[in-house]
Amino acid sequence: MDEVLALVDAVLREAGLTRAAVRSLATLDARAAEPGVAGAGAELGVPVRGFPAGELAAVAVPHPSALPLDATGTPSVAEAAALLTAGTGVTTDTGATAGAGGTAGAGAARAVLLVPKRKSRSVTCAIATCVPVCPHEHTPGVRLLHLTHGYIAREPGSPPTIPTPHTTAAMDMHTQSDAHDLRHHGDAEVRDEKLIDLAVNVRTNTPPDWLRRRIADSLTGLAAYPDGRAARAAVAVRHDLPPGRVLLTAGAAEAFVLLARALPARRPVVVHPQFTEPEAALRDAGHEVGRVLLREEDGFRLDPAAVPEDADLVVIGNPTNPTSVLHPAAAIAALARPGRTLVVDEAFMDAVPGERESLAGRTDVPGLVVLRSLTKTWGLAGLRIGYVLAEPETISLLERAQPLWPVSTPALVAAEACMSRMALAEAEHAAHRIGVERAHLLAGLAEFDEVRTVDGAEGPFVLLRIDGADAIRDRLRLLGFAARRGDTFPGLDRNWLRLAVRDRATTNRFLQALDQALLLNG
């Protein structure tokens, strides 16, 4: 009950609501009488309603997941129940109905998610709202407002000048969460624990000494405001572009936020499995995000025809995190369309010898935006430095969305230093070395019948599938190794792990640990 109530409170806060707004809880009918659910309903003073699995399965949900589909027949109990209840003005899944009224009023209405499914250890919760769609219900004072995580509509019977939310929250209780945690990243696997790190894709033994000295020397100039002109010019020269096509950012993560906030996308689409931060940033900016899921049976290779023609913003990684697939530049360029922004995350491209298939520096692809990060190859994750390459008009839009002096002086100095010929030669050498060590890791993994790896890995990491990989990951932690869980990536589930490429000695020790973990699993 405490876990249910804690998640209800968290989701209500996200919606800008309190417990006073809760109207009901709901869940799968088989779970409605569970003590945690029933107790939470009693604590909140609201009814609890259960829905048959077949009724929930008939509801289209925005964020489907395979785990609840296998277990209950619906790809998201929380969202299906929330939408179902909001549409009928009653209650849904193991969640809460919030608002000052029970239905959307006399006119036609539709249910929309106010907060998509959120999760705790064993509970998921979503909030939906019922909004009017009849023209006479929309006046200037009660216009439907698109917010970061949902909608606010006029409460029927209330004065037009006082919009009041009417929402339905819903949850699902299960042993494993059905939600892809878009905010989970590899650093969470090693934080506060002394483990050998195969979860974070930052090159080991970095930054190199020469780069440390350059950064340290910059500290004497911290009294002055940062001046990014030299670093911007260096990036431009490195990619044979004019400076007006370059924007320096506090890592690629900031670039995703700028794109989500500054570009007027109506139908953004993210190609998954890939780095989850672009979708998270888009959703935080209030966008409804479509997904194109690449398939394991196709080797997670891109089919340009799978991307909807009406998508006006498409995001894809190359080489892709976590699959390590390097898509042909021609296939990605084929996604370009008039009126479409094509965002290519090349954070790991400098780990590919010769940067094959890179689109950085291309000016013939309309709407192209290329993102680069200096944190992986150079070990600068704590310094936060990356950049965007795009048409000058796009750069101007993104720059206006940035705060003043967004990149620190030490980060600017590091960016300029990493553009030097010496640095580029060192990065190329490191890319070849990574290829050798990756081949050694893949050869070792091939010795295990239980392990299947994605073919053709080209990044500084590999993706592998093991039945029950979540349990294997826990055993590896006990043996001193951190691996990146795969189930937070849309398109993957609990049977996937991502491993960073390390030196041969570390890989050999890991393979021994994996052998022990698999024996325990058997």
Protein backbone atom coordinates (compact mmCIF):
# COMPACT_ATOMS: atom_id res chain seq x y z
CA MET A 1 0.00 0.00 0.00
CA ASP A 2 2.82 2.41 0.83
CA GLU A 3 4.42 1.80 -2.57
CA VAL A 4 1.11 2.38 -4.36
CA LEU A 5 0.47 5.60 -2.49
CA ALA A 6 4.03 6.84 -2.98
CA LEU A 7 3.78 6.41 -6.74
CA VAL A 8 0.31 7.98 -6.84
CA ASP A 9 1.70 11.00 -5.00
CA ALA A 10 4.67 11.25 -7.37
CA VAL A 11 2.50 11.06 -10.48
CA LEU A 12 0.02 13.57 -9.06
CA ARG A 13 2.88 15.99 -8.37
CA GLU A 14 4.03 15.57 -11.96
CA ALA A 15 0.51 16.47 -13.10
CA GLY A 16 0.38 19.43 -10.71
CA LEU A 17 -2.36 17.78 -8.62
CA THR A 18 -2.84 16.62 -5.03
CA ARG A 19 -4.59 13.68 -3.42
CA ALA A 20 -7.71 15.81 -3.13
CA ALA A 21 -8.08 15.49 -6.90
CA VAL A 22 -8.16 11.67 -6.86
CA ARG A 23 -11.52 10.19 -7.84
CA SER A 24 -10.79 6.47 -8.04
CA LEU A 25 -8.26 3.67 -8.36
CA ALA A 26 -8.45 0.85 -10.88
CA THR A 27 -6.57 -2.18 -12.12
CA LEU A 28 -6.96 -5.58 -13.76
CA ASP A 29 -9.98 -7.24 -12.16
CA ALA A 30 -7.83 -10.06 -10.80
CA ARG A 31 -5.79 -7.50 -8.83
CA ALA A 32 -8.48 -5.15 -7.61
CA ALA A 33 -8.77 -6.88 -4.23
CA GLU A 34 -5.02 -7.04 -3.58
CA PRO A 35 -4.24 -5.48 -0.17
CA GLY A 36 -1.92 -2.82 -1.57
CA VAL A 37 -4.53 -1.63 -4.05
CA ALA A 38 -7.56 -1.93 -1.81
CA GLY A 39 -5.70 -0.34 1.09
CA ALA A 40 -4.58 2.58 -1.07
CA GLY A 41 -8.15 3.12 -2.22
CA ALA A 42 -9.36 3.15 1.38
CA GLU A 43 -6.60 5.57 2.40
CA LEU A 44 -7.54 7.92 -0.42
CA GLY A 45 -11.24 7.47 0.19
CA VAL A 46 -11.98 6.49 -3.41
CA PRO A 47 -13.46 3.37 -5.04
CA VAL A 48 -11.35 0.70 -6.72
CA ARG A 49 -12.49 -0.72 -10.04
CA GLY A 50 -11.23 -3.82 -11.85
CA PHE A 51 -11.37 -4.37 -15.60
CA PRO A 52 -11.33 -7.72 -17.46
CA ALA A 53 -8.13 -8.35 -19.39
CA GLY A 54 -10.04 -8.47 -22.67
CA GLU A 55 -11.54 -5.05 -22.10
CA LEU A 56 -8.11 -3.56 -21.36
CA ALA A 57 -6.57 -5.29 -24.38
CA ALA A 58 -9.02 -3.47 -26.67
CA VAL A 59 -7.61 -0.06 -25.67
CA ALA A 60 -4.82 1.40 -27.82
CA VAL A 61 -2.01 2.63 -25.57
CA PRO A 62 0.71 5.19 -26.47
CA HIS A 63 3.60 3.34 -24.79
CA PRO A 64 3.23 -0.43 -25.28
CA SER A 65 5.55 -2.95 -23.64
CA ALA A 66 6.02 -6.64 -24.24
CA LEU A 67 6.06 -7.79 -20.61
CA PRO A 68 2.49 -6.86 -19.64
CA LEU A 69 1.28 -8.02 -23.07
CA ASP A 70 2.58 -11.51 -22.36
CA ALA A 71 1.27 -11.49 -18.79
CA THR A 72 -2.15 -9.86 -19.16
CA GLY A 73 -2.97 -9.50 -22.85
CA THR A 74 -2.62 -5.70 -22.85
CA PRO A 75 0.65 -3.89 -23.67
CA SER A 76 0.12 -1.48 -20.75
CA VAL A 77 -2.40 -2.16 -18.00
CA ALA A 78 -1.80 1.28 -16.49
CA GLU A 79 -2.38 3.31 -19.62
CA ALA A 80 -5.22 1.14 -20.94
CA ALA A 81 -7.08 1.32 -17.64
CA ALA A 82 -6.50 5.07 -17.29
CA LEU A 83 -7.75 5.79 -20.80
CA LEU A 84 -10.68 3.41 -20.46
CA THR A 85 -11.83 4.96 -17.22
CA ALA A 86 -11.27 8.53 -18.36
CA GLY A 87 -13.37 7.81 -21.42
CA THR A 88 -16.27 6.53 -19.34
CA GLY A 89 -15.84 9.01 -16.50
CA VAL A 90 -15.34 6.23 -13.94
CA THR A 91 -11.99 4.81 -12.79
CA THR A 92 -9.21 2.61 -14.12
CA ASP A 93 -6.44 0.16 -13.38
CA THR A 94 -4.58 0.27 -10.09
CA GLY A 95 -4.59 4.02 -10.25
CA ALA A 96 -6.51 7.13 -9.45
CA THR A 97 -9.13 9.31 -11.06
CA ALA A 98 -8.50 12.95 -10.28
CA GLY A 99 -10.42 16.13 -10.88
CA ALA A 100 -13.46 18.01 -9.74
CA GLY A 101 -15.99 16.06 -11.78
CA GLY A 102 -16.84 12.60 -13.03
CA THR A 103 -17.25 13.09 -16.78
CA ALA A 104 -16.29 15.51 -19.47
CA GLY A 105 -19.72 17.04 -19.72
CA ALA A 106 -22.59 16.87 -22.14
CA GLY A 107 -20.60 17.18 -25.35
CA ALA A 108 -18.41 14.66 -27.11
CA ALA A 109 -15.15 13.91 -25.34
CA ARG A 110 -12.02 11.86 -25.63
CA ALA A 111 -9.55 10.40 -23.18
CA VAL A 112 -5.91 11.48 -23.32
CA LEU A 113 -2.97 10.74 -21.03
CA LEU A 114 -2.09 13.49 -18.63
CA VAL A 115 0.96 11.59 -17.39
CA PRO A 116 2.21 8.48 -19.21
CA LYS A 117 3.03 5.39 -17.21
CA ARG A 118 5.59 5.90 -14.48
CA LYS A 119 7.08 3.15 -12.38
CA SER A 120 8.39 2.16 -9.02
CA ARG A 121 9.82 -1.24 -8.12
CA SER A 122 6.59 -3.19 -8.65
CA VAL A 123 3.93 -0.62 -9.57
CA THR A 124 3.20 1.43 -12.66
CA CYS A 125 0.87 4.41 -12.70
CA ALA A 126 -0.61 6.57 -15.46
CA ILE A 127 -3.06 9.47 -15.35
CA ALA A 128 -5.57 10.15 -18.10
CA THR A 129 -8.02 12.98 -18.57
CA CYS A 130 -11.30 13.29 -20.41
CA VAL A 131 -11.37 16.40 -22.60
CA PRO A 132 -14.28 17.84 -24.62
CA VAL A 133 -13.98 17.87 -28.40
CA CYS A 134 -17.20 19.63 -29.38
CA PRO A 135 -16.60 23.14 -30.77
CA HIS A 136 -19.09 24.77 -28.42
CA GLU A 137 -17.05 23.56 -25.44
CA HIS A 138 -13.96 25.45 -26.55
CA THR A 139 -13.97 29.17 -25.89
CA PRO A 140 -10.94 31.45 -25.69
CA GLY A 141 -10.99 31.18 -21.91
CA VAL A 142 -11.07 27.38 -21.87
CA ARG A 143 -8.84 26.50 -24.83
CA LEU A 144 -7.19 23.07 -24.56
CA LEU A 145 -3.63 23.65 -23.38
CA HIS A 146 -0.80 21.29 -24.36
CA LEU A 147 1.50 20.89 -21.38
CA THR A 148 4.75 19.08 -20.78
CA HIS A 149 3.10 15.82 -19.76
CA GLY A 150 -0.49 16.17 -20.85
CA TYR A 151 -3.54 18.37 -21.05
CA ILE A 152 -5.77 20.63 -19.00
CA ALA A 153 -9.40 21.07 -20.02
CA ARG A 154 -12.33 22.98 -18.55
CA GLU A 155 -14.22 21.21 -15.79
CA PRO A 156 -17.86 20.96 -16.88
CA GLY A 157 -19.98 23.51 -15.08
CA SER A 158 -17.03 25.63 -13.97
CA PRO A 159 -16.58 29.25 -15.08
CA PRO A 160 -14.69 29.52 -18.38
CA THR A 161 -11.92 31.55 -16.77
CA ILE A 162 -11.03 28.86 -14.21
CA PRO A 163 -9.76 25.73 -16.03
CA THR A 164 -9.87 22.69 -13.74
CA PRO A 165 -8.16 19.39 -14.55
CA HIS A 166 -10.21 16.22 -14.65
CA THR A 167 -7.93 13.22 -14.72
CA THR A 168 -7.82 9.50 -14.22
CA ALA A 169 -4.69 7.81 -12.92
CA ALA A 170 -4.07 4.11 -13.34
CA MET A 171 -1.43 1.66 -12.23
CA ASP A 172 -0.36 -1.90 -12.73
CA MET A 173 1.27 -3.99 -10.01
CA HIS A 174 3.65 -6.73 -11.13
CA THR A 175 7.00 -8.19 -10.27
CA GLN A 176 8.83 -6.35 -13.04
CA SER A 177 8.03 -2.94 -14.50
CA ASP A 178 6.55 -2.81 -17.98
CA ALA A 179 7.83 0.72 -18.61
CA HIS A 180 11.02 1.56 -20.45
CA ASP A 181 12.87 3.87 -18.10
CA LEU A 182 14.08 6.46 -20.61
CA ARG A 183 16.07 8.23 -17.88
CA HIS A 184 18.16 5.19 -16.95
CA HIS A 185 21.76 5.39 -18.17
CA GLY A 186 24.85 3.27 -17.72
CA ASP A 187 26.33 5.37 -14.95
CA ALA A 188 23.50 4.22 -12.66
CA GLU A 189 24.90 0.68 -12.87
CA VAL A 190 28.17 1.64 -11.18
CA ARG A 191 27.26 4.59 -9.01
CA ASP A 192 28.31 4.16 -5.36
CA GLU A 193 29.66 0.65 -5.97
CA LYS A 194 33.18 -0.58 -6.65
CA LEU A 195 32.58 -2.71 -9.74
CA ILE A 196 34.56 -3.28 -12.92
CA ASP A 197 32.65 -1.05 -15.30
CA LEU A 198 31.34 -2.56 -18.52
CA ALA A 199 28.17 -0.46 -18.34
CA VAL A 200 29.49 3.00 -19.34
CA ASN A 201 30.76 3.58 -22.87
CA VAL A 202 33.53 6.03 -21.95
CA ARG A 203 37.02 4.95 -23.04
CA THR A 204 39.16 3.89 -20.09
CA ASN A 205 42.36 5.66 -19.03
CA THR A 206 41.03 9.00 -20.25
CA PRO A 207 41.37 11.92 -20.51
CA PRO A 208 45.01 11.57 -21.61
CA ASP A 209 47.66 13.50 -19.73
CA TRP A 210 48.12 16.15 -22.44
CA LEU A 211 44.41 16.94 -22.37
CA ARG A 212 44.33 17.06 -18.58
CA ARG A 213 47.12 19.65 -18.66
CA ARG A 214 45.31 21.79 -21.23
CA ILE A 215 42.16 21.75 -19.11
CA ALA A 216 44.09 22.47 -15.91
CA ASP A 217 45.86 25.44 -17.54
CA SER A 218 42.48 26.92 -18.49
CA LEU A 219 41.52 27.30 -14.82
CA THR A 220 43.60 30.45 -14.53
CA GLY A 221 41.13 32.20 -16.81
CA LEU A 222 37.93 31.37 -14.95
CA ALA A 223 37.37 35.00 -13.94
CA ALA A 224 36.49 35.84 -17.55
CA TYR A 225 33.23 34.84 -19.23
CA PRO A 226 33.59 31.91 -21.65
CA ASP A 227 34.41 32.80 -25.25
CA GLY A 228 33.54 29.97 -27.63
CA ARG A 229 34.78 31.52 -30.88
CA ALA A 230 38.10 29.65 -31.06
CA ALA A 231 36.55 26.28 -30.21
CA ARG A 232 33.71 26.86 -32.68
CA ALA A 233 36.19 27.72 -35.42
CA ALA A 234 38.26 24.63 -34.63
CA VAL A 235 35.21 22.36 -34.92
CA ALA A 236 34.28 24.05 -38.20
CA VAL A 237 37.77 23.49 -39.65
CA ARG A 238 37.76 19.86 -38.49
CA HIS A 239 34.56 19.21 -40.50
CA ASP A 240 35.33 21.65 -43.35
CA LEU A 241 32.30 23.77 -42.53
CA PRO A 242 31.72 27.49 -41.90
CA PRO A 243 31.40 28.42 -38.19
CA GLY A 244 27.76 29.36 -38.77
CA ARG A 245 26.99 25.66 -39.13
CA VAL A 246 28.43 24.80 -35.69
CA LEU A 247 26.92 25.07 -32.21
CA LEU A 248 28.84 24.05 -29.09
CA THR A 249 26.75 22.42 -26.35
CA ALA A 250 27.11 21.07 -22.84
CA GLY A 251 27.28 17.52 -24.17
CA ALA A 252 24.97 15.90 -26.71
CA ALA A 253 22.28 15.69 -24.03
CA GLU A 254 21.85 19.47 -24.07
CA ALA A 255 21.55 19.36 -27.84
CA PHE A 256 18.60 16.95 -27.59
CA VAL A 257 16.84 19.30 -25.19
CA LEU A 258 17.45 22.28 -27.49
CA LEU A 259 16.11 20.40 -30.50
CA ALA A 260 13.01 19.32 -28.58
CA ARG A 261 12.29 22.86 -27.38
CA ALA A 262 13.31 24.97 -30.36
CA LEU A 263 12.10 23.06 -33.41
CA PRO A 264 8.40 23.20 -34.31
CA ALA A 265 7.94 19.47 -34.82
CA ARG A 266 4.39 18.16 -35.20
CA ARG A 267 5.17 14.47 -35.61
CA PRO A 268 8.58 13.52 -34.22
CA VAL A 269 9.71 9.92 -34.65
CA VAL A 270 12.60 8.17 -32.90
CA VAL A 271 14.18 5.05 -34.39
CA HIS A 272 14.69 2.47 -31.65
CA PRO A 273 16.46 0.72 -30.01
CA GLN A 274 18.72 3.71 -29.48
CA PHE A 275 19.88 6.20 -26.87
CA THR A 276 16.75 7.14 -24.95
CA GLU A 277 17.51 10.76 -24.09
CA PRO A 278 16.20 12.18 -27.41
CA GLU A 279 12.75 10.71 -26.80
CA ALA A 280 12.79 11.75 -23.14
CA ALA A 281 13.64 15.34 -24.13
CA LEU A 282 10.90 15.42 -26.75
CA ARG A 283 8.31 14.11 -24.31
CA ASP A 284 9.40 16.59 -21.65
CA ALA A 285 8.86 19.36 -24.20
CA GLY A 286 5.28 18.21 -24.70
CA HIS A 287 5.64 16.23 -27.92
CA GLU A 288 3.83 13.00 -28.68
CA VAL A 289 6.66 10.81 -29.96
CA GLY A 290 6.28 8.03 -32.50
CA ARG A 291 8.58 5.03 -32.48
CA VAL A 292 10.04 2.94 -35.28
CA LEU A 293 11.27 -0.31 -33.74
CA LEU A 294 14.05 -2.05 -35.65
CA ARG A 295 13.85 -5.83 -35.38
CA GLU A 296 16.31 -8.37 -34.08
CA GLU A 297 15.57 -10.69 -36.99
CA ASP A 298 16.75 -7.91 -39.33
CA GLY A 299 19.90 -7.39 -37.31
CA PHE A 300 18.49 -4.06 -36.07
CA ARG A 301 19.32 -2.63 -39.51
CA LEU A 302 17.51 0.45 -40.78
CA ASP A 303 14.78 0.17 -43.38
CA PRO A 304 14.13 3.78 -44.49
CA ALA A 305 10.66 2.77 -45.68
CA ALA A 306 9.67 2.00 -42.07
CA VAL A 307 9.78 5.69 -41.13
CA PRO A 308 6.38 7.36 -41.67
CA GLU A 309 6.31 9.80 -44.57
CA ASP A 310 4.60 12.47 -42.47
CA ALA A 311 7.29 12.46 -39.75
CA ASP A 312 8.74 15.97 -39.67
CA LEU A 313 11.55 15.16 -37.21
CA VAL A 314 13.40 11.84 -37.27
CA VAL A 315 16.08 10.83 -34.76
CA ILE A 316 18.50 7.96 -35.32
CA GLY A 317 21.87 7.00 -33.84
CA ASN A 318 24.88 5.95 -35.94
CA PRO A 319 26.59 3.82 -34.80
CA THR A 320 23.55 3.07 -32.73
CA ASN A 321 23.61 2.76 -28.96
CA PRO A 322 22.97 0.01 -27.75
CA THR A 323 22.99 -2.25 -30.84
CA SER A 324 26.43 -1.12 -32.11
CA VAL A 325 25.03 -1.21 -35.65
CA LEU A 326 26.61 1.18 -38.16
CA HIS A 327 23.96 2.14 -40.70
CA PRO A 328 25.05 3.08 -44.25
CA ALA A 329 25.21 6.84 -44.69
CA ALA A 330 23.16 6.48 -47.88
CA ALA A 331 20.33 4.74 -45.99
CA ILE A 332 20.19 7.50 -43.38
CA ALA A 333 20.42 10.26 -45.98
CA ALA A 334 17.47 8.60 -47.74
CA LEU A 335 15.35 9.63 -44.75
CA ALA A 336 15.72 13.32 -45.66
CA ARG A 337 12.60 15.05 -46.98
CA PRO A 338 11.57 18.65 -47.65
CA GLY A 339 10.19 20.02 -44.38
CA ARG A 340 11.75 17.26 -42.27
CA THR A 341 14.56 17.61 -39.73
CA LEU A 342 16.83 14.56 -39.77
CA VAL A 343 18.79 14.25 -36.51
CA VAL A 344 21.72 11.82 -36.55
CA ASP A 345 23.38 11.09 -33.21
CA GLU A 346 27.02 10.38 -34.04
CA ALA A 347 28.26 10.36 -30.45
CA PHE A 348 30.27 7.19 -31.12
CA MET A 349 31.32 7.83 -34.72
CA ASP A 350 34.87 8.78 -33.72
CA ALA A 351 35.23 5.22 -32.37
CA VAL A 352 34.77 3.90 -35.93
CA PRO A 353 38.02 3.75 -37.95
CA GLY A 354 37.89 6.37 -40.68
CA GLU A 355 34.49 7.48 -39.39
CA ARG A 356 32.89 5.45 -42.17
CA GLU A 357 29.26 6.30 -42.88
CA SER A 358 29.47 9.67 -41.10
CA LEU A 359 27.25 12.49 -42.34
CA ALA A 360 29.17 15.17 -40.44
CA GLY A 361 30.34 17.83 -42.86
CA ARG A 362 27.64 17.02 -45.44
CA THR A 363 25.75 20.08 -46.70
CA ASP A 364 23.78 18.36 -49.48
CA VAL A 365 21.28 16.60 -47.18
CA PRO A 366 18.28 18.87 -46.51
CA GLY A 367 17.29 19.30 -42.87
CA LEU A 368 20.33 17.36 -41.61
CA VAL A 369 21.40 17.83 -37.98
CA VAL A 370 24.45 15.87 -36.78
CA LEU A 371 25.27 15.62 -33.08
CA ARG A 372 28.74 14.82 -31.80
CA SER A 373 30.05 14.17 -28.30
CA LEU A 374 33.60 14.49 -27.02
CA THR A 375 32.83 12.71 -23.77
CA LYS A 376 33.20 9.09 -24.93
CA THR A 377 36.55 8.93 -26.70
CA TRP A 378 38.20 11.56 -24.53
CA GLY A 379 36.72 10.73 -21.12
CA LEU A 380 35.04 14.10 -20.60
CA ALA A 381 31.61 13.01 -19.36
CA GLY A 382 32.06 15.13 -16.25
CA LEU A 383 33.05 18.21 -18.25
CA ARG A 384 30.03 18.11 -20.65
CA ILE A 385 31.08 19.06 -24.15
CA GLY A 386 29.61 18.27 -27.55
CA TYR A 387 28.44 20.06 -30.65
CA VAL A 388 25.78 20.30 -33.35
CA LEU A 389 26.36 20.55 -37.09
CA ALA A 390 23.40 21.87 -39.07
CA GLU A 391 22.11 24.50 -41.48
CA PRO A 392 22.72 28.06 -40.22
CA GLU A 393 18.98 28.66 -39.76
CA THR A 394 18.71 25.62 -37.49
CA ILE A 395 21.83 26.62 -35.57
CA SER A 396 20.30 30.05 -34.96
CA LEU A 397 17.08 28.53 -33.61
CA LEU A 398 19.01 26.28 -31.24
CA GLU A 399 21.36 29.06 -30.14
CA ARG A 400 18.44 31.27 -29.18
CA ALA A 401 17.12 28.48 -26.97
CA GLN A 402 20.45 28.21 -25.10
CA PRO A 403 21.19 30.17 -21.93
CA LEU A 404 24.04 32.64 -22.00
CA TRP A 405 27.53 31.09 -21.80
CA PRO A 406 26.22 27.49 -21.88
CA VAL A 407 29.66 25.88 -22.23
CA SER A 408 32.36 26.48 -19.62
CA THR A 409 35.84 27.74 -20.40
CA PRO A 410 37.54 24.39 -19.55
CA ALA A 411 35.07 22.59 -21.84
CA LEU A 412 35.76 25.05 -24.66
CA VAL A 413 39.50 24.57 -24.26
CA ALA A 414 39.00 20.79 -24.36
CA ALA A 415 36.90 21.04 -27.52
CA GLU A 416 39.53 23.10 -29.30
CA ALA A 417 42.28 20.72 -28.19
CA CYS A 418 40.39 17.64 -29.39
CA MET A 419 40.13 19.13 -32.89
CA SER A 420 43.91 19.25 -33.36
CA ARG A 421 45.64 16.95 -35.86
CA MET A 422 47.46 15.20 -33.03
CA ALA A 423 44.19 14.54 -31.20
CA LEU A 424 42.43 13.27 -34.31
CA ALA A 425 45.32 10.90 -34.99
CA GLU A 426 45.13 9.62 -31.42
CA ALA A 427 41.37 9.10 -31.74
CA GLU A 428 41.88 7.16 -34.96
CA HIS A 429 44.46 4.94 -33.29
CA ALA A 430 42.07 4.34 -30.38
CA ALA A 431 39.31 3.40 -32.83
CA HIS A 432 41.50 0.72 -34.41
CA ARG A 433 42.47 -0.56 -30.96
CA ILE A 434 38.79 -0.75 -29.96
CA GLY A 435 38.11 -2.84 -33.06
CA VAL A 436 40.76 -5.35 -32.03
CA GLU A 437 39.52 -5.58 -28.45
CA ARG A 438 35.89 -5.84 -29.61
CA ALA A 439 36.78 -8.79 -31.82
CA HIS A 440 38.38 -10.50 -28.81
CA LEU A 441 35.27 -9.92 -26.70
CA LEU A 442 32.95 -11.22 -29.44
CA ALA A 443 35.11 -14.30 -29.94
CA GLY A 444 34.90 -15.07 -26.24
CA LEU A 445 31.13 -14.56 -26.14
CA ALA A 446 30.75 -16.91 -29.13
CA GLU A 447 32.00 -19.75 -26.92
CA PHE A 448 28.78 -19.65 -24.89
CA ASP A 449 25.79 -21.45 -26.39
CA GLU A 450 23.47 -19.34 -24.22
CA VAL A 451 24.72 -16.03 -25.65
CA ARG A 452 23.66 -14.44 -28.93
CA THR A 453 25.30 -11.18 -30.02
CA VAL A 454 24.13 -8.65 -32.60
CA ASP A 455 26.18 -9.15 -35.75
CA GLY A 456 28.45 -6.55 -37.23
CA ALA A 457 29.15 -4.47 -34.14
CA GLU A 458 31.07 -1.30 -35.01
CA GLY A 459 30.85 0.76 -31.80
CA PRO A 460 32.87 0.57 -28.56
CA PHE A 461 30.22 -1.77 -27.11
CA VAL A 462 28.29 -4.92 -28.03
CA LEU A 463 24.70 -5.97 -27.47
CA LEU A 464 23.94 -9.53 -26.46
CA ARG A 465 20.88 -11.63 -25.70
CA ILE A 466 20.69 -14.25 -22.93
CA ASP A 467 17.48 -15.79 -21.67
CA GLY A 468 17.11 -14.36 -18.17
CA ALA A 469 19.81 -11.74 -18.71
CA ASP A 470 18.43 -9.69 -15.82
CA ALA A 471 19.31 -12.50 -13.41
CA ILE A 472 22.70 -12.96 -15.07
CA ARG A 473 23.37 -9.27 -14.62
CA ASP A 474 22.66 -9.53 -10.89
CA ARG A 475 25.06 -12.49 -10.59
CA LEU A 476 27.73 -10.59 -12.48
CA ARG A 477 27.41 -7.77 -9.98
CA LEU A 478 28.09 -10.22 -7.17
CA LEU A 479 31.17 -11.30 -9.10
CA GLY A 480 32.35 -7.69 -9.39
CA PHE A 481 31.19 -6.66 -12.89
CA ALA A 482 28.65 -4.06 -13.97
CA ALA A 483 26.83 -4.64 -17.28
CA ARG A 484 24.27 -2.29 -18.81
CA ARG A 485 20.71 -3.60 -18.61
CA GLY A 486 18.85 -3.64 -21.92
CA ASP A 487 15.22 -3.47 -20.86
CA THR A 488 15.21 0.33 -20.59
CA PHE A 489 15.63 0.61 -24.38
CA PRO A 490 12.37 0.51 -26.37
CA GLY A 491 12.45 -2.56 -28.57
CA LEU A 492 14.44 -4.62 -26.05
CA ASP A 493 13.43 -6.55 -22.94
CA ARG A 494 14.98 -8.09 -19.84
CA ASN A 495 16.92 -10.63 -21.91
CA TRP A 496 19.40 -8.10 -23.29
CA LEU A 497 22.68 -6.69 -21.96
CA ARG A 498 25.10 -4.15 -23.37
CA LEU A 499 28.83 -4.53 -22.69
CA ALA A 500 31.47 -1.86 -23.18
CA VAL A 501 34.64 -2.96 -24.94
CA ARG A 502 37.59 -3.07 -22.56
CA ASP A 503 41.21 -4.23 -22.68
CA ARG A 504 41.97 -7.90 -23.15
CA ALA A 505 42.84 -8.65 -19.53
CA THR A 506 39.55 -7.12 -18.30
CA THR A 507 37.60 -8.98 -20.99
CA ASN A 508 39.17 -12.29 -20.01
CA ARG A 509 38.24 -11.79 -16.37
CA PHE A 510 34.72 -10.86 -17.40
CA LEU A 511 34.34 -13.97 -19.56
CA GLN A 512 35.33 -16.09 -16.58
CA ALA A 513 32.74 -14.31 -14.44
CA LEU A 514 30.10 -14.79 -17.15
CA ASP A 515 30.87 -18.50 -17.23
CA GLN A 516 30.24 -18.70 -13.47
CA ALA A 517 27.05 -16.65 -13.74
CA LEU A 518 25.70 -18.90 -16.50
CA LEU A 519 26.52 -22.04 -14.50
CA LEU A 520 24.58 -20.65 -11.56
CA ASN A 521 21.72 -19.81 -13.90
CA GLY A 522 21.63 -23.37 -15.24
